[in-house]
Amino acid sequence: MDKKKSIETLQYFATGLTEGALVHKLQGQIFKSQGFTKLGQKYIDHFNEEMNWVEKFNERIIDLGGEVKFEGAKSRAIITNPVEYIKADLDIQKAGVDLLYKCIEQLPCDPTTFDILKNYLADEEEDLYWSQGALEMIECIGAQNWLVTQL
């Protein structure tokens, strides 16, 4: 097992996911303030779920004898239009799922880290499918009708 590779991979995802989770929390607060209570709560809950994954990643880093790091988050635009945000988030999700597939392939000699990332991948795919479904629904019934369902 290449502990260094496992630790680096886990740290990379812990850092990126912390950043993404914070953005989801902010977006959720904005959507709630706009009256889209369901959508806002969905992203706030998503923040909590993502931070649980960060905790799992950090615990595994510690188990492997690594040092947990807090690496700075990049600046990201806050998008106040819910439909535009879902589109932008979907692009990030697609790239993240593709990257997870590639990283998982490189960790078969560390079954514990492999399983953690495989389970995280399943969770991320579920989020990706939700965003795709929301955009399909928006196209089918229109943005205004869809937004009414998010009140």
Protein backbone atom coordinates (compact mmCIF):
# COMPACT_ATOMS: atom_id res chain seq x y z
CA MET A 1 0.00 0.00 0.00
CA ASP A 2 1.25 3.46 -0.88
CA LYS A 3 0.25 5.41 2.25
CA LYS A 4 1.58 8.66 0.82
CA LYS A 5 -0.65 8.40 -2.25
CA SER A 6 -3.68 7.58 -0.10
CA ILE A 7 -3.01 10.51 2.24
CA GLU A 8 -2.48 12.93 -0.66
CA THR A 9 -5.68 11.78 -2.35
CA LEU A 10 -7.71 12.07 0.84
CA GLN A 11 -6.25 15.50 1.63
CA TYR A 12 -7.02 16.70 -1.90
CA PHE A 13 -10.67 15.69 -1.57
CA ALA A 14 -10.94 16.98 2.01
CA THR A 15 -9.71 20.38 0.90
CA GLY A 16 -11.90 20.58 -2.20
CA LEU A 17 -14.94 19.26 -0.42
CA THR A 18 -14.57 21.71 2.47
CA GLU A 19 -14.57 24.53 -0.06
CA GLY A 20 -17.57 23.13 -1.92
CA ALA A 21 -19.47 22.51 1.30
CA LEU A 22 -19.02 26.10 2.44
CA VAL A 23 -20.32 27.35 -0.89
CA HIS A 24 -23.34 25.05 -0.60
CA LYS A 25 -24.07 26.45 2.86
CA LEU A 26 -23.89 30.03 1.58
CA GLN A 27 -26.03 29.22 -1.45
CA GLY A 28 -28.58 27.53 0.79
CA GLN A 29 -28.80 30.59 2.99
CA ILE A 30 -29.26 32.83 -0.06
CA PHE A 31 -31.97 30.61 -1.54
CA LYS A 32 -33.81 30.53 1.79
CA SER A 33 -33.63 34.32 2.00
CA GLN A 34 -35.18 34.48 -1.47
CA GLY A 35 -38.11 32.37 -0.25
CA PHE A 36 -36.96 29.09 -1.82
CA THR A 37 -37.07 27.28 1.51
CA LYS A 38 -36.89 23.70 0.18
CA LEU A 39 -34.01 24.44 -2.15
CA GLY A 40 -32.18 26.39 0.52
CA GLN A 41 -32.58 23.61 3.05
CA LYS A 42 -31.43 21.06 0.48
CA TYR A 43 -28.10 22.87 0.10
CA ILE A 44 -27.71 23.49 3.83
CA ASP A 45 -28.30 19.77 4.46
CA HIS A 46 -25.85 19.03 1.67
CA PHE A 47 -23.25 21.12 3.53
CA ASN A 48 -23.70 18.94 6.63
CA GLU A 49 -23.45 15.74 4.59
CA GLU A 50 -20.28 16.93 2.86
CA MET A 51 -18.64 17.91 6.13
CA ASN A 52 -19.31 14.36 7.38
CA TRP A 53 -17.31 13.12 4.39
CA VAL A 54 -14.50 15.54 5.24
CA GLU A 55 -14.49 14.10 8.75
CA LYS A 56 -14.18 10.56 7.34
CA PHE A 57 -11.34 11.62 5.05
CA ASN A 58 -9.51 13.28 7.94
CA GLU A 59 -9.99 10.27 10.22
CA ARG A 60 -8.47 8.02 7.55
CA ILE A 61 -5.53 10.39 7.07
CA ILE A 62 -4.89 10.18 10.82
CA ASP A 63 -5.25 6.37 10.77
CA LEU A 64 -2.60 6.24 8.03
CA GLY A 65 -0.24 8.32 10.17
CA GLY A 66 -0.64 11.43 8.07
CA GLU A 67 -0.98 15.01 9.10
CA VAL A 68 -4.36 16.64 8.54
CA LYS A 69 -4.01 20.03 6.88
CA PHE A 70 -6.28 22.99 6.49
CA GLU A 71 -5.53 24.35 3.07
CA GLY A 72 -7.04 27.64 1.98
CA ALA A 73 -10.21 27.75 -0.06
CA LYS A 74 -10.32 29.42 -3.44
CA SER A 75 -12.61 32.32 -4.10
CA ARG A 76 -15.81 31.28 -5.88
CA ALA A 77 -18.66 33.34 -7.22
CA ILE A 78 -21.94 33.20 -5.35
CA ILE A 79 -24.78 32.80 -7.82
CA THR A 80 -28.11 34.20 -6.69
CA ASN A 81 -30.19 32.71 -9.52
CA PRO A 82 -31.13 29.17 -8.40
CA VAL A 83 -31.32 27.72 -11.92
CA GLU A 84 -27.97 29.20 -12.93
CA TYR A 85 -26.46 27.87 -9.73
CA ILE A 86 -27.67 24.32 -10.39
CA LYS A 87 -26.15 24.53 -13.90
CA ALA A 88 -22.81 25.74 -12.53
CA ASP A 89 -22.83 23.18 -9.72
CA LEU A 90 -23.58 20.40 -12.20
CA ASP A 91 -20.43 21.26 -14.14
CA ILE A 92 -18.39 21.01 -10.94
CA GLN A 93 -20.09 17.73 -10.02
CA LYS A 94 -19.36 16.17 -13.42
CA ALA A 95 -15.67 17.05 -13.16
CA GLY A 96 -15.53 15.81 -9.57
CA VAL A 97 -17.14 12.45 -10.38
CA ASP A 98 -14.77 11.93 -13.31
CA LEU A 99 -11.81 12.72 -11.06
CA LEU A 100 -13.05 10.38 -8.35
CA TYR A 101 -13.24 7.51 -10.85
CA LYS A 102 -9.63 8.14 -11.86
CA CYS A 103 -8.38 8.41 -8.28
CA ILE A 104 -10.19 5.30 -7.10
CA GLU A 105 -8.53 3.27 -9.85
CA GLN A 106 -5.16 4.13 -8.32
CA LEU A 107 -5.99 2.90 -4.80
CA PRO A 108 -6.81 -0.83 -5.07
CA CYS A 109 -3.92 -1.70 -2.70
CA ASP A 110 -5.54 0.35 0.08
CA PRO A 111 -8.98 -1.25 0.41
CA THR A 112 -10.09 0.99 3.30
CA THR A 113 -9.39 4.24 1.47
CA PHE A 114 -10.75 2.67 -1.72
CA ASP A 115 -14.04 1.86 0.04
CA ILE A 116 -14.33 5.33 1.60
CA LEU A 117 -13.84 7.00 -1.77
CA LYS A 118 -16.09 4.49 -3.54
CA ASN A 119 -18.90 5.29 -1.09
CA TYR A 120 -18.24 9.00 -1.50
CA LEU A 121 -18.41 8.53 -5.28
CA ALA A 122 -21.84 6.87 -4.97
CA ASP A 123 -23.02 9.85 -2.91
CA GLU A 124 -21.63 12.33 -5.45
CA GLU A 125 -23.29 10.47 -8.32
CA GLU A 126 -26.61 10.74 -6.49
CA ASP A 127 -26.10 14.52 -6.21
CA LEU A 128 -25.19 14.69 -9.89
CA TYR A 129 -28.37 12.83 -10.84
CA TRP A 130 -30.45 15.18 -8.68
CA SER A 131 -29.02 18.22 -10.48
CA GLN A 132 -29.54 16.62 -13.89
CA GLY A 133 -33.12 15.73 -12.95
CA ALA A 134 -33.82 19.24 -11.67
CA LEU A 135 -32.57 20.76 -14.92
CA GLU A 136 -34.63 18.30 -16.98
CA MET A 137 -37.69 19.22 -14.94
CA ILE A 138 -36.96 22.93 -15.41
CA GLU A 139 -36.75 22.41 -19.15
CA CYS A 140 -39.99 20.43 -19.13
CA ILE A 141 -42.18 22.66 -16.92
CA GLY A 142 -40.27 25.94 -17.01
CA ALA A 143 -38.10 27.66 -14.45
CA GLN A 144 -40.91 29.59 -12.76
CA ASN A 145 -43.05 26.47 -12.29
CA TRP A 146 -40.07 24.55 -10.93
CA LEU A 147 -39.14 27.35 -8.56
CA VAL A 148 -42.67 27.25 -7.11
CA THR A 149 -41.95 23.66 -6.04
CA GLN A 150 -38.93 24.95 -4.09
CA LEU A 151 -40.88 27.39 -1.90
